[in-house]
PDB file of all heavy atoms in Angstrom:
ATOM      1  N   TYR A   1       1.194 -21.309  34.191  1.00  0.00           N
ATOM      2  CA  TYR A   1      -0.069 -20.771  33.658  1.00  0.00           C
ATOM      3  C   TYR A   1      -0.212 -19.316  33.983  1.00  0.00           C
ATOM      4  O   TYR A   1      -0.543 -18.454  33.157  1.00  0.00           O
ATOM      5  CB  TYR A   1      -1.216 -21.590  34.239  1.00  0.00           C
ATOM      6  CG  TYR A   1      -2.631 -21.076  33.894  1.00  0.00           C
ATOM      7  CD1 TYR A   1      -3.232 -21.459  32.689  1.00  0.00           C
ATOM      8  CD2 TYR A   1      -3.290 -20.212  34.727  1.00  0.00           C
ATOM      9  CE1 TYR A   1      -4.500 -21.000  32.367  1.00  0.00           C
ATOM     10  CE2 TYR A   1      -4.540 -19.757  34.434  1.00  0.00           C
ATOM     11  CZ  TYR A   1      -5.146 -20.139  33.225  1.00  0.00           C
ATOM     12  OH  TYR A   1      -6.399 -19.660  32.917  1.00  0.00           O
ATOM     13  N   LEU A   2       0.018 -18.961  35.271  1.00  0.00           N
ATOM     14  CA  LEU A   2      -0.144 -17.575  35.702  1.00  0.00           C
ATOM     15  C   LEU A   2       0.975 -16.679  35.148  1.00  0.00           C
ATOM     16  O   LEU A   2       0.734 -15.536  34.824  1.00  0.00           O
ATOM     17  CB  LEU A   2      -0.182 -17.500  37.246  1.00  0.00           C
ATOM     18  CG  LEU A   2      -1.375 -18.115  37.897  1.00  0.00           C
ATOM     19  CD1 LEU A   2      -1.307 -17.964  39.420  1.00  0.00           C
ATOM     20  CD2 LEU A   2      -2.689 -17.480  37.419  1.00  0.00           C
ATOM     21  N   VAL A   3       2.187 -17.200  35.079  1.00  0.00           N
ATOM     22  CA  VAL A   3       3.277 -16.402  34.514  1.00  0.00           C
ATOM     23  C   VAL A   3       2.977 -16.045  33.072  1.00  0.00           C
ATOM     24  O   VAL A   3       3.180 -14.902  32.663  1.00  0.00           O
ATOM     25  CB  VAL A   3       4.616 -17.183  34.603  1.00  0.00           C
ATOM     26  CG1 VAL A   3       5.729 -16.414  33.891  1.00  0.00           C
ATOM     27  CG2 VAL A   3       5.024 -17.357  36.094  1.00  0.00           C
ATOM     28  N   ARG A   4       2.512 -16.991  32.317  1.00  0.00           N
ATOM     29  CA  ARG A   4       2.177 -16.705  30.900  1.00  0.00           C
ATOM     30  C   ARG A   4       1.008 -15.771  30.797  1.00  0.00           C
ATOM     31  O   ARG A   4       0.997 -14.875  29.932  1.00  0.00           O
ATOM     32  CB  ARG A   4       1.867 -18.027  30.193  1.00  0.00           C
ATOM     33  CG  ARG A   4       3.108 -18.893  29.969  1.00  0.00           C
ATOM     34  CD  ARG A   4       2.755 -20.294  29.513  1.00  0.00           C
ATOM     35  NE  ARG A   4       3.935 -21.133  29.393  1.00  0.00           N
ATOM     36  CZ  ARG A   4       3.914 -22.427  29.244  1.00  0.00           C
ATOM     37  NH1 ARG A   4       2.751 -23.058  29.236  1.00  0.00           N
ATOM     38  NH2 ARG A   4       5.011 -23.105  29.123  1.00  0.00           N
ATOM     39  N   ALA A   5       0.012 -15.901  31.661  1.00  0.00           N
ATOM     40  CA  ALA A   5      -1.124 -15.002  31.616  1.00  0.00           C
ATOM     41  C   ALA A   5      -0.680 -13.554  31.871  1.00  0.00           C
ATOM     42  O   ALA A   5      -1.139 -12.647  31.213  1.00  0.00           O
ATOM     43  CB  ALA A   5      -2.157 -15.454  32.626  1.00  0.00           C
ATOM     44  N   ALA A   6       0.213 -13.401  32.859  1.00  0.00           N
ATOM     45  CA  ALA A   6       0.704 -12.057  33.182  1.00  0.00           C
ATOM     46  C   ALA A   6       1.545 -11.527  32.057  1.00  0.00           C
ATOM     47  O   ALA A   6       1.510 -10.315  31.733  1.00  0.00           O
ATOM     48  CB  ALA A   6       1.525 -12.107  34.502  1.00  0.00           C
ATOM     49  N   SER A   7       2.320 -12.390  31.410  1.00  0.00           N
ATOM     50  CA  SER A   7       3.241 -11.964  30.341  1.00  0.00           C
ATOM     51  C   SER A   7       2.492 -11.404  29.152  1.00  0.00           C
ATOM     52  O   SER A   7       3.053 -10.637  28.369  1.00  0.00           O
ATOM     53  CB  SER A   7       4.159 -13.100  29.933  1.00  0.00           C
ATOM     54  OG  SER A   7       4.965 -13.500  30.989  1.00  0.00           O
ATOM     55  N   ARG A   8       1.233 -11.856  28.967  1.00  0.00           N
ATOM     56  CA  ARG A   8       0.461 -11.362  27.835  1.00  0.00           C
ATOM     57  C   ARG A   8      -0.144  -9.988  28.130  1.00  0.00           C
ATOM     58  O   ARG A   8      -0.690  -9.347  27.222  1.00  0.00           O
ATOM     59  CB  ARG A   8      -0.663 -12.348  27.473  1.00  0.00           C
ATOM     60  CG  ARG A   8      -0.179 -13.702  27.090  1.00  0.00           C
ATOM     61  CD  ARG A   8      -1.346 -14.623  26.733  1.00  0.00           C
ATOM     62  NE  ARG A   8      -0.957 -16.031  26.864  1.00  0.00           N
ATOM     63  CZ  ARG A   8      -1.477 -16.914  27.691  1.00  0.00           C
ATOM     64  NH1 ARG A   8      -2.413 -16.540  28.534  1.00  0.00           N
ATOM     65  NH2 ARG A   8      -0.997 -18.171  27.718  1.00  0.00           N
ATOM     66  N   ALA A   9      -0.116  -9.582  29.396  1.00  0.00           N
ATOM     67  CA  ALA A   9      -0.732  -8.324  29.783  1.00  0.00           C
ATOM     68  C   ALA A   9       0.232  -7.138  29.642  1.00  0.00           C
ATOM     69  O   ALA A   9       1.418  -7.313  29.340  1.00  0.00           O
ATOM     70  CB  ALA A   9      -1.234  -8.430  31.199  1.00  0.00           C
ATOM     71  N   ASP A  10      -0.261  -5.939  29.926  1.00  0.00           N
ATOM     72  CA  ASP A  10       0.530  -4.713  29.787  1.00  0.00           C
ATOM     73  C   ASP A  10       1.376  -4.479  31.028  1.00  0.00           C
ATOM     74  O   ASP A  10       1.056  -3.628  31.868  1.00  0.00           O
ATOM     75  CB  ASP A  10      -0.397  -3.538  29.494  1.00  0.00           C
ATOM     76  CG  ASP A  10       0.358  -2.236  29.238  1.00  0.00           C
ATOM     77  OD1 ASP A  10       1.586  -2.301  28.990  1.00  0.00           O
ATOM     78  OD2 ASP A  10      -0.266  -1.179  29.234  1.00  0.00           O
ATOM     79  N   ILE A  11       2.463  -5.240  31.182  1.00  0.00           N
ATOM     80  CA  ILE A  11       3.298  -5.129  32.335  1.00  0.00           C
ATOM     81  C   ILE A  11       4.707  -4.674  31.913  1.00  0.00           C
ATOM     82  O   ILE A  11       5.062  -4.699  30.751  1.00  0.00           O
ATOM     83  CB  ILE A  11       3.428  -6.470  33.082  1.00  0.00           C
ATOM     84  CG1 ILE A  11       4.013  -7.553  32.162  1.00  0.00           C
ATOM     85  CG2 ILE A  11       2.046  -6.924  33.607  1.00  0.00           C
ATOM     86  CD1 ILE A  11       4.319  -8.866  32.894  1.00  0.00           C
ATOM     87  N   ARG A  12       5.481  -4.254  32.916  1.00  0.00           N
ATOM     88  CA  ARG A  12       6.847  -3.834  32.660  1.00  0.00           C
ATOM     89  C   ARG A  12       7.802  -5.036  32.729  1.00  0.00           C
ATOM     90  O   ARG A  12       8.914  -4.967  32.170  1.00  0.00           O
ATOM     91  CB  ARG A  12       7.323  -2.792  33.694  1.00  0.00           C
ATOM     92  CG  ARG A  12       6.600  -1.482  33.654  1.00  0.00           C
ATOM     93  CD  ARG A  12       6.693  -0.801  32.298  1.00  0.00           C
ATOM     94  NE  ARG A  12       5.532  -1.115  31.413  1.00  0.00           N
ATOM     95  CZ  ARG A  12       5.443  -0.754  30.174  1.00  0.00           C
ATOM     96  NH1 ARG A  12       6.428  -0.123  29.573  1.00  0.00           N
ATOM     97  NH2 ARG A  12       4.371  -1.059  29.481  1.00  0.00           N
ATOM     98  N   GLY A  13       7.423  -6.135  33.423  1.00  0.00           N
ATOM     99  CA  GLY A  13       8.287  -7.282  33.502  1.00  0.00           C
ATOM    100  C   GLY A  13       7.835  -8.247  34.589  1.00  0.00           C
ATOM    101  O   GLY A  13       6.831  -7.992  35.313  1.00  0.00           O
ATOM    102  N   VAL A  14       8.538  -9.365  34.679  1.00  0.00           N
ATOM    103  CA  VAL A  14       8.282 -10.410  35.677  1.00  0.00           C
ATOM    104  C   VAL A  14       9.575 -10.683  36.440  1.00  0.00           C
ATOM    105  O   VAL A  14      10.594 -10.947  35.813  1.00  0.00           O
ATOM    106  CB  VAL A  14       7.782 -11.727  35.036  1.00  0.00           C
ATOM    107  CG1 VAL A  14       7.545 -12.778  36.080  1.00  0.00           C
ATOM    108  CG2 VAL A  14       6.536 -11.499  34.196  1.00  0.00           C
ATOM    109  N   VAL A  15       9.527 -10.579  37.766  1.00  0.00           N
ATOM    110  CA  VAL A  15      10.726 -10.730  38.572  1.00  0.00           C
ATOM    111  C   VAL A  15      10.431 -11.766  39.690  1.00  0.00           C
ATOM    112  O   VAL A  15       9.368 -11.741  40.302  1.00  0.00           O
ATOM    113  CB  VAL A  15      11.154  -9.413  39.227  1.00  0.00           C
ATOM    114  CG1 VAL A  15      12.413  -9.588  40.056  1.00  0.00           C
ATOM    115  CG2 VAL A  15      11.401  -8.378  38.147  1.00  0.00           C
ATOM    116  N   ARG A  16      11.378 -12.640  39.935  1.00  0.00           N
ATOM    117  CA  ARG A  16      11.241 -13.581  41.046  1.00  0.00           C
ATOM    118  C   ARG A  16      11.401 -12.892  42.399  1.00  0.00           C
ATOM    119  O   ARG A  16      12.249 -12.014  42.558  1.00  0.00           O
ATOM    120  CB  ARG A  16      12.284 -14.704  40.919  1.00  0.00           C
ATOM    121  CG  ARG A  16      11.910 -15.815  39.993  1.00  0.00           C
ATOM    122  CD  ARG A  16      12.929 -16.941  40.081  1.00  0.00           C
ATOM    123  NE  ARG A  16      12.563 -18.051  39.213  1.00  0.00           N
ATOM    124  CZ  ARG A  16      11.871 -19.079  39.616  1.00  0.00           C
ATOM    125  NH1 ARG A  16      11.433 -19.145  40.882  1.00  0.00           N
ATOM    126  NH2 ARG A  16      11.543 -20.073  38.799  1.00  0.00           N
ATOM    127  N   LYS A  17      10.592 -13.342  43.362  1.00  0.00           N
ATOM    128  CA  LYS A  17      10.736 -12.804  44.709  1.00  0.00           C
ATOM    129  C   LYS A  17      12.089 -13.174  45.322  1.00  0.00           C
ATOM    130  O   LYS A  17      12.557 -12.490  46.234  1.00  0.00           O
ATOM    131  CB  LYS A  17       9.599 -13.343  45.593  1.00  0.00           C
ATOM    132  CG  LYS A  17       8.220 -12.793  45.218  1.00  0.00           C
ATOM    133  CD  LYS A  17       7.153 -13.367  46.163  1.00  0.00           C
ATOM    134  CE  LYS A  17       5.777 -12.882  45.767  1.00  0.00           C
ATOM    135  NZ  LYS A  17       4.705 -13.376  46.682  1.00  0.00           N
ATOM    136  N   SER A  18      12.690 -14.224  44.869  1.00  0.00           N
ATOM    137  CA  SER A  18      13.961 -14.672  45.383  1.00  0.00           C
ATOM    138  C   SER A  18      15.166 -14.034  44.707  1.00  0.00           C
ATOM    139  O   SER A  18      16.309 -14.375  44.969  1.00  0.00           O
ATOM    140  CB  SER A  18      14.087 -16.203  45.255  1.00  0.00           C
ATOM    141  OG  SER A  18      13.975 -16.609  43.891  1.00  0.00           O
ATOM    142  N   ALA A  19      14.901 -13.054  43.809  1.00  0.00           N
ATOM    143  CA  ALA A  19      16.018 -12.424  43.102  1.00  0.00           C
ATOM    144  C   ALA A  19      16.902 -11.673  44.103  1.00  0.00           C
ATOM    145  O   ALA A  19      16.444 -11.191  45.135  1.00  0.00           O
ATOM    146  CB  ALA A  19      15.409 -11.437  42.099  1.00  0.00           C
ATOM    147  N   PRO A  20      18.187 -11.550  43.804  1.00  0.00           N
ATOM    148  CA  PRO A  20      19.093 -10.786  44.635  1.00  0.00           C
ATOM    149  C   PRO A  20      18.576  -9.343  44.799  1.00  0.00           C
ATOM    150  O   PRO A  20      17.936  -8.816  43.868  1.00  0.00           O
ATOM    151  CB  PRO A  20      20.427 -10.783  43.868  1.00  0.00           C
ATOM    152  CG  PRO A  20      20.349 -12.028  43.052  1.00  0.00           C
ATOM    153  CD  PRO A  20      18.885 -12.187  42.673  1.00  0.00           C
ATOM    154  N   SER A  21      18.854  -8.739  45.911  1.00  0.00           N
ATOM    155  CA  SER A  21      18.340  -7.421  46.221  1.00  0.00           C
ATOM    156  C   SER A  21      18.714  -6.410  45.165  1.00  0.00           C
ATOM    157  O   SER A  21      17.914  -5.580  44.748  1.00  0.00           O
ATOM    158  CB  SER A  21      18.855  -6.928  47.585  1.00  0.00           C
ATOM    159  OG  SER A  21      18.406  -7.774  48.617  1.00  0.00           O
ATOM    160  N   ALA A  22      19.985  -6.447  44.716  1.00  0.00           N
ATOM    161  CA  ALA A  22      20.457  -5.482  43.736  1.00  0.00           C
ATOM    162  C   ALA A  22      19.640  -5.590  42.456  1.00  0.00           C
ATOM    163  O   ALA A  22      19.277  -4.572  41.819  1.00  0.00           O
ATOM    164  CB  ALA A  22      21.929  -5.667  43.471  1.00  0.00           C
ATOM    165  N   GLY A  23      19.370  -6.829  42.027  1.00  0.00           N
ATOM    166  CA  GLY A  23      18.614  -7.045  40.796  1.00  0.00           C
ATOM    167  C   GLY A  23      17.155  -6.572  40.947  1.00  0.00           C
ATOM    168  O   GLY A  23      16.619  -5.974  40.003  1.00  0.00           O
ATOM    169  N   LEU A  24      16.572  -6.812  42.118  1.00  0.00           N
ATOM    170  CA  LEU A  24      15.226  -6.394  42.341  1.00  0.00           C
ATOM    171  C   LEU A  24      15.113  -4.890  42.340  1.00  0.00           C
ATOM    172  O   LEU A  24      14.189  -4.312  41.775  1.00  0.00           O
ATOM    173  CB  LEU A  24      14.686  -6.983  43.655  1.00  0.00           C
ATOM    174  CG  LEU A  24      13.265  -6.648  44.037  1.00  0.00           C
ATOM    175  CD1 LEU A  24      12.260  -7.067  42.956  1.00  0.00           C
ATOM    176  CD2 LEU A  24      12.897  -7.296  45.394  1.00  0.00           C
TER     177      LEU A  24
END
C-alpha cells in the first residue's frame, strides 16, 4: 500500500534498505 502510494508521487525511485551497497 505504501510502496504504491509513494510510486504515484514525484519521486526519483524506490530502493530497498537491504540493497547491496554498490547499488544503493
